Protein backbone atom coordinates (compact mmCIF):
# COMPACT_ATOMS: atom_id res chain seq x y z
CA MET A 1 -0.27 10.87 21.00
CA GLN A 2 -3.29 13.20 21.15
CA THR A 3 -1.56 15.50 18.66
CA ALA A 4 -0.92 12.55 16.32
CA ARG A 5 -4.53 11.44 16.53
CA ARG A 6 -5.77 14.95 15.78
CA LEU A 7 -3.48 15.12 12.74
CA ALA A 8 -4.61 11.68 11.56
CA SER A 9 -8.25 12.66 11.73
CA TRP A 10 -7.84 16.20 10.35
CA SER A 11 -9.65 16.79 7.07
CA LEU A 12 -11.00 13.21 7.09
CA GLN A 13 -13.13 12.82 4.00
CA ARG A 14 -14.95 10.09 2.11
CA ARG A 15 -15.85 10.73 -1.51
CA LEU A 16 -17.43 8.87 -4.38
CA LEU A 17 -16.11 9.40 -7.88
CA LEU A 18 -15.84 13.14 -8.56
CA PRO A 19 -14.52 15.22 -11.47
CA SER A 20 -10.76 14.92 -11.74
CA GLN A 21 -8.49 17.48 -10.12
CA ALA A 22 -5.27 18.76 -11.68
CA GLN A 23 -2.84 16.00 -12.57
CA ALA A 24 0.85 15.87 -11.67
CA PRO A 25 3.06 17.82 -14.07
CA SER A 26 3.83 15.87 -17.23
CA ILE A 27 7.44 15.08 -18.02
CA PRO A 28 8.38 15.06 -21.70
CA THR A 29 9.38 11.70 -23.10
CA ALA A 30 12.93 11.64 -24.40
CA ALA A 31 13.47 10.87 -28.08
CA ALA A 32 15.35 7.73 -27.13
CA PHE A 33 12.07 6.22 -25.99
CA LEU A 34 10.05 6.97 -29.11
CA HIS A 35 10.33 3.40 -30.35
CA SER A 36 9.88 1.65 -27.01
CA HIS A 37 7.32 1.71 -24.23
CA ALA A 38 8.32 4.19 -21.54
CA THR A 39 7.08 4.71 -18.01
CA SER A 40 7.94 6.93 -15.09
CA PHE A 41 10.47 6.20 -12.38
CA GLY A 42 9.97 9.26 -10.23
CA TYR A 43 10.40 12.17 -12.61
CA LYS A 44 12.60 10.15 -14.96
CA GLN A 45 11.39 8.31 -18.04
CA VAL A 46 12.65 4.73 -18.28
CA ARG A 47 11.82 1.70 -20.37
CA GLU A 48 9.06 -0.43 -18.87
CA GLU A 49 11.36 -3.43 -18.55
CA GLU A 50 13.80 -1.33 -16.51
CA LYS A 51 11.37 0.04 -13.94
CA SER A 52 10.85 -3.16 -11.94
CA LYS A 53 14.61 -3.56 -11.62
CA LEU A 54 15.06 0.06 -10.49
CA VAL A 55 12.22 -0.22 -7.96
CA GLY A 56 13.69 -3.50 -6.76
CA ASN A 57 17.02 -1.79 -6.16
CA VAL A 58 15.28 0.92 -4.13
CA PHE A 59 13.56 -1.53 -1.82
CA SER A 60 16.59 -3.78 -1.48
CA SER A 61 18.47 -0.69 -0.35
CA VAL A 62 15.88 0.46 2.21
CA ALA A 63 14.51 -2.92 3.42
CA SER A 64 16.38 -3.01 6.74
CA SER A 65 15.35 0.54 7.67
CA TYR A 66 11.92 0.59 6.01
CA ASP A 67 9.77 0.49 9.15
CA LEU A 68 12.01 2.92 11.04
CA MET A 69 11.83 5.39 8.15
CA ASN A 70 8.04 5.08 8.05
CA ASP A 71 7.94 6.05 11.71
CA VAL A 72 10.32 8.97 11.24
CA MET A 73 8.80 10.38 8.04
CA SER A 74 5.19 10.17 9.25
CA VAL A 75 5.94 10.95 12.91
CA GLY A 76 4.35 7.58 13.69
CA LEU A 77 1.10 8.42 11.89
CA HIS A 78 1.45 5.48 9.50
CA ARG A 79 0.43 3.25 12.41
CA LEU A 80 -2.89 5.09 12.73
CA TRP A 81 -3.39 5.02 8.96
CA LYS A 82 -2.86 1.25 8.86
CA GLY A 83 -5.19 0.86 11.81
CA ARG A 84 -7.85 2.69 9.81
CA LEU A 85 -7.18 0.40 6.83
CA ILE A 86 -7.76 -2.69 8.99
CA SER A 87 -10.94 -1.22 10.46
CA LYS A 88 -12.32 -0.75 6.94
CA LEU A 89 -11.29 -4.29 6.00
CA ASN A 90 -13.10 -5.70 9.06
CA PRO A 91 -11.23 -9.04 9.16
CA PHE A 92 -13.11 -12.12 10.34
CA PRO A 93 -12.15 -15.66 11.46
CA GLY A 94 -11.84 -18.06 8.55
CA MET A 95 -11.07 -15.40 5.95
CA LYS A 96 -8.54 -15.82 3.18
CA HIS A 97 -6.65 -12.56 2.84
CA LEU A 98 -3.94 -11.34 0.48
CA ASP A 99 -1.65 -8.44 1.39
CA VAL A 100 0.36 -7.36 -1.66
CA ALA A 101 3.63 -5.39 -1.45
CA GLY A 102 3.49 -6.20 2.25
CA GLY A 103 6.94 -7.70 2.69
CA THR A 104 7.69 -6.39 6.19
CA GLY A 105 4.42 -7.87 7.45
CA ASP A 106 3.10 -4.72 9.11
CA VAL A 107 -0.39 -4.96 7.61
CA ALA A 108 -0.55 -8.77 7.76
CA PHE A 109 0.28 -8.82 11.47
CA ARG A 110 -2.51 -6.34 12.13
CA VAL A 111 -4.99 -8.45 10.15
CA LEU A 112 -3.97 -11.59 12.04
CA GLU A 113 -4.14 -9.90 15.43
CA ARG A 114 -7.58 -8.44 14.66
CA ILE A 115 -8.88 -11.86 13.61
CA LYS A 116 -7.52 -13.44 16.78
CA SER A 117 -9.14 -10.69 18.82
CA VAL A 118 -12.50 -11.27 17.13
CA GLY A 119 -12.18 -15.02 17.59
CA HIS A 120 -11.24 -14.67 21.25
CA ARG A 121 -14.20 -12.44 22.03
CA ALA A 122 -16.58 -14.75 20.20
CA MET A 123 -15.30 -18.08 21.47
CA GLN A 124 -13.57 -17.06 24.73
CA GLY A 125 -10.23 -18.39 23.59
CA THR A 126 -11.45 -21.66 22.11
CA LEU A 127 -9.89 -22.39 18.71
CA THR A 128 -12.73 -23.17 16.35
CA GLU A 129 -12.74 -24.88 12.99
CA THR A 130 -13.51 -21.53 11.38
CA GLU A 131 -10.45 -19.92 12.93
CA GLU A 132 -8.29 -22.78 11.69
CA ASP A 133 -9.44 -21.96 8.14
CA THR A 134 -7.98 -18.44 8.40
CA HIS A 135 -5.06 -17.81 6.06
CA ILE A 136 -3.14 -14.63 5.36
CA TYR A 137 -0.77 -14.43 2.40
CA VAL A 138 1.97 -11.80 2.30
CA CYS A 139 3.07 -11.25 -1.30
CA ASP A 140 6.04 -9.08 -2.25
CA ILE A 141 8.27 -9.03 -5.32
CA ASN A 142 11.34 -8.20 -3.24
CA PRO A 143 13.00 -11.06 -1.29
CA ASN A 144 14.82 -8.65 1.02
CA MET A 145 11.54 -7.14 2.18
CA LEU A 146 10.10 -10.62 2.75
CA ASN A 147 13.15 -11.59 4.81
CA VAL A 148 12.59 -8.56 7.03
CA GLY A 149 8.96 -9.63 7.45
CA LYS A 150 9.87 -13.21 8.37
CA LYS A 151 12.34 -11.92 10.95
CA ARG A 152 9.70 -9.63 12.43
CA ALA A 153 7.22 -12.53 12.51
CA ALA A 154 9.68 -14.57 14.57
CA GLU A 155 10.22 -11.66 16.95
CA ARG A 156 6.44 -11.32 17.42
CA GLY A 157 5.93 -15.04 17.95
CA HIS A 158 4.23 -15.58 14.59
CA SER A 159 6.92 -17.77 13.03
CA GLU A 160 5.00 -20.95 13.88
CA GLU A 161 1.71 -19.63 12.57
CA HIS A 162 0.41 -22.02 9.93
CA CYS A 163 -2.08 -19.38 8.79
CA LEU A 164 0.65 -16.95 7.65
CA SER A 165 2.43 -17.51 4.33
CA TRP A 166 5.20 -15.48 2.65
CA ILE A 167 5.12 -15.47 -1.14
CA GLN A 168 7.54 -13.83 -3.55
CA GLY A 169 5.41 -12.61 -6.42
CA ASP A 170 4.48 -9.81 -8.80
CA ALA A 171 1.37 -7.70 -8.19
CA GLU A 172 0.82 -7.66 -11.96
CA ALA A 173 0.86 -11.47 -12.29
CA LEU A 174 -0.32 -13.09 -9.05
CA SER A 175 0.06 -16.84 -8.60
CA PHE A 176 -3.26 -17.26 -6.77
CA GLU A 177 -6.39 -18.85 -8.21
CA ASP A 178 -9.39 -16.90 -9.47
CA GLY A 179 -11.91 -16.06 -6.77
CA SER A 180 -9.76 -17.39 -3.93
CA MET A 181 -9.52 -14.39 -1.55
CA ASP A 182 -12.00 -12.66 0.76
CA GLY A 183 -9.85 -9.54 1.05
CA TYR A 184 -7.00 -7.77 -0.73
CA THR A 185 -4.88 -4.97 0.71
CA ILE A 186 -1.95 -3.05 -0.68
CA ALA A 187 -0.30 -0.34 1.43
CA PHE A 188 2.21 2.11 -0.03
CA GLY A 189 2.93 -0.24 -2.90
CA ILE A 190 0.72 0.26 -5.92
CA ARG A 191 2.44 3.44 -7.11
CA ASN A 192 5.62 1.37 -7.59
CA VAL A 193 4.18 -1.11 -10.08
CA THR A 194 4.84 -0.58 -13.78
CA HIS A 195 1.21 -1.07 -14.89
CA ILE A 196 -1.29 -0.01 -12.23
CA GLU A 197 -4.20 -1.24 -14.33
CA LYS A 198 -2.71 -4.77 -14.44
CA ALA A 199 -2.30 -4.83 -10.66
CA LEU A 200 -5.93 -3.75 -10.24
CA SER A 201 -7.09 -6.38 -12.72
CA GLU A 202 -5.21 -9.06 -10.79
CA ALA A 203 -6.72 -7.86 -7.51
CA TYR A 204 -10.18 -8.20 -9.04
CA ARG A 205 -9.40 -11.64 -10.45
CA VAL A 206 -8.25 -13.23 -7.18
CA LEU A 207 -11.07 -11.84 -5.04
CA LYS A 208 -14.23 -13.80 -4.39
CA ARG A 209 -17.64 -12.27 -5.12
CA GLY A 210 -18.26 -9.95 -2.20
CA GLY A 211 -14.52 -9.55 -1.62
CA ARG A 212 -13.11 -6.16 -0.69
CA PHE A 213 -10.19 -4.29 -2.26
CA LEU A 214 -8.41 -1.73 -0.09
CA CYS A 215 -5.45 0.45 -1.01
CA LEU A 216 -3.60 2.76 1.37
CA GLU A 217 -1.36 5.10 -0.59
CA LEU A 218 0.43 8.42 -0.32
CA SER A 219 -1.65 10.79 -2.39
CA HIS A 220 -2.33 14.43 -3.28
CA VAL A 221 -2.91 17.13 -0.68
CA ASP A 222 -6.07 19.13 -1.36
CA VAL A 223 -5.63 21.96 1.17
CA PRO A 224 -3.82 24.87 -0.61
CA VAL A 225 -1.77 26.33 2.28
CA PHE A 226 -0.96 22.91 3.71
CA LYS A 227 0.08 21.74 0.22
CA ASP A 228 2.86 24.34 0.09
CA ILE A 229 4.17 23.24 3.49
CA TYR A 230 3.92 19.59 2.51
CA ASP A 231 5.86 20.20 -0.72
CA VAL A 232 8.71 21.81 1.19
CA TYR A 233 8.73 18.93 3.67
CA SER A 234 8.61 16.34 0.89
CA PHE A 235 11.39 17.66 -1.35
CA SER A 236 13.70 19.18 1.27
CA VAL A 237 13.22 17.18 4.46
CA ILE A 238 12.36 13.59 3.45
CA PRO A 239 15.45 12.99 1.25
CA THR A 240 17.64 14.47 4.01
CA ILE A 241 16.05 12.16 6.60
CA GLY A 242 16.66 9.25 4.22
CA GLU A 243 20.31 10.18 3.98
CA LEU A 244 20.74 10.58 7.76
CA VAL A 245 18.69 7.59 8.95
CA ALA A 246 18.97 5.08 6.10
CA GLY A 247 22.12 6.35 4.39
CA ASP A 248 20.17 6.59 1.13
CA ARG A 249 19.05 9.98 -0.16
CA GLN A 250 18.39 8.86 -3.72
CA SER A 251 15.78 6.23 -2.81
CA TYR A 252 13.76 8.73 -0.81
CA GLN A 253 14.03 11.31 -3.57
CA TYR A 254 12.39 8.67 -5.77
CA LEU A 255 9.73 8.15 -3.09
CA VAL A 256 8.74 11.83 -3.17
CA GLU A 257 8.73 12.00 -6.96
CA SER A 258 6.71 8.79 -7.30
CA ILE A 259 3.98 10.27 -5.11
CA ARG A 260 3.68 13.30 -7.38
CA ARG A 261 3.47 11.10 -10.48
CA PHE A 262 0.77 8.86 -8.97
CA PRO A 263 -2.82 9.56 -10.17
CA ASN A 264 -4.83 11.87 -7.95
CA GLN A 265 -7.63 10.49 -5.79
CA GLU A 266 -10.45 10.82 -8.34
CA LYS A 267 -8.41 9.44 -11.21
CA PHE A 268 -7.26 6.44 -9.18
CA ALA A 269 -10.83 5.79 -8.04
CA GLN A 270 -11.87 5.79 -11.70
CA MET A 271 -9.13 3.25 -12.51
CA ILE A 272 -10.41 0.97 -9.74
CA GLN A 273 -13.91 1.22 -11.15
CA GLU A 274 -12.65 0.45 -14.66
CA ALA A 275 -11.03 -2.73 -13.29
CA GLY A 276 -14.55 -3.96 -12.46
CA PHE A 277 -14.98 -2.94 -8.83
CA GLN A 278 -18.21 -1.42 -7.61
CA ARG A 279 -19.06 0.94 -4.74
CA VAL A 280 -15.70 2.60 -5.23
CA GLU A 281 -14.89 5.35 -2.75
CA TYR A 282 -11.94 6.89 -1.01
CA GLU A 283 -11.13 8.53 2.27
CA ASN A 284 -8.54 11.29 2.67
CA LEU A 285 -6.40 11.38 5.79
CA VAL A 286 -4.37 14.42 6.85
CA GLY A 287 -5.73 16.56 4.06
CA GLY A 288 -4.86 14.05 1.34
CA VAL A 289 -1.31 13.17 2.41
CA VAL A 290 -2.63 9.63 2.27
CA ALA A 291 -5.85 8.16 0.93
CA ILE A 292 -7.60 4.85 1.45
CA HIS A 293 -9.42 3.65 -1.69
CA SER A 294 -11.87 0.80 -1.53
CA GLY A 295 -14.05 -1.24 -3.84
CA LEU A 296 -16.14 -4.39 -3.83
CA LYS A 297 -16.23 -7.27 -6.30
CA LEU A 298 -19.95 -7.96 -6.72
């Protein structure tokens, strides 16, 4: 555990918007897509209308083993990363919170447990009117992921929680009202949407003034020697683990490729700012293997 914590804190950085680093290698667009809008699915170019279906197939395939694979691939570090995400969110009793692409409930459960912990310390176990106003919405486009989350909620004793709702929905077209949420999180999900800028715009729309946007995402390693090691691990080891543990090499090959195609930390921070957020910053964990981006709607 001490080794994991040292890894999680290694090369911990927080940066404001900086000049962009090198982008992921560009992949030529095939002639077949000249007359239609194309987007990336890993290193492949596909029509925009096809990407959501392809991503859906990936997550339907891996839903049952998703949390196990996160543990195996990150050597359990994803738990520390999510803990850091929740610390930055600083949940409070009575908040309305939206976790997008959170089908298995991992982030939502942490938010709920933190709120209960805060409420217990403040009120010594007495349920207050403010605590009753708390509501956490888990939104995911994939019903299989949501089913896994509901099952996990029952196992954790959260199935009767009236403050926890499971919503099937699209990050690019949320069904929630303008200015209705105090917080918005998305963990390991935004790189899978077809139009990142639309997802960011929707996040901004549903947040209240003063609301916080937080995104935990696999990102770009910025330590040269470590980057070479990480590339070997990513392209040689992760797909093999996917094949052995989840019986699905192809989905985890897509995972690795999608990380490389995702904007680097500075570029993504700029996109968040262009969506209207202020005080945009990011924090690198494990030398940039993952990054937590944040912004406020003011």
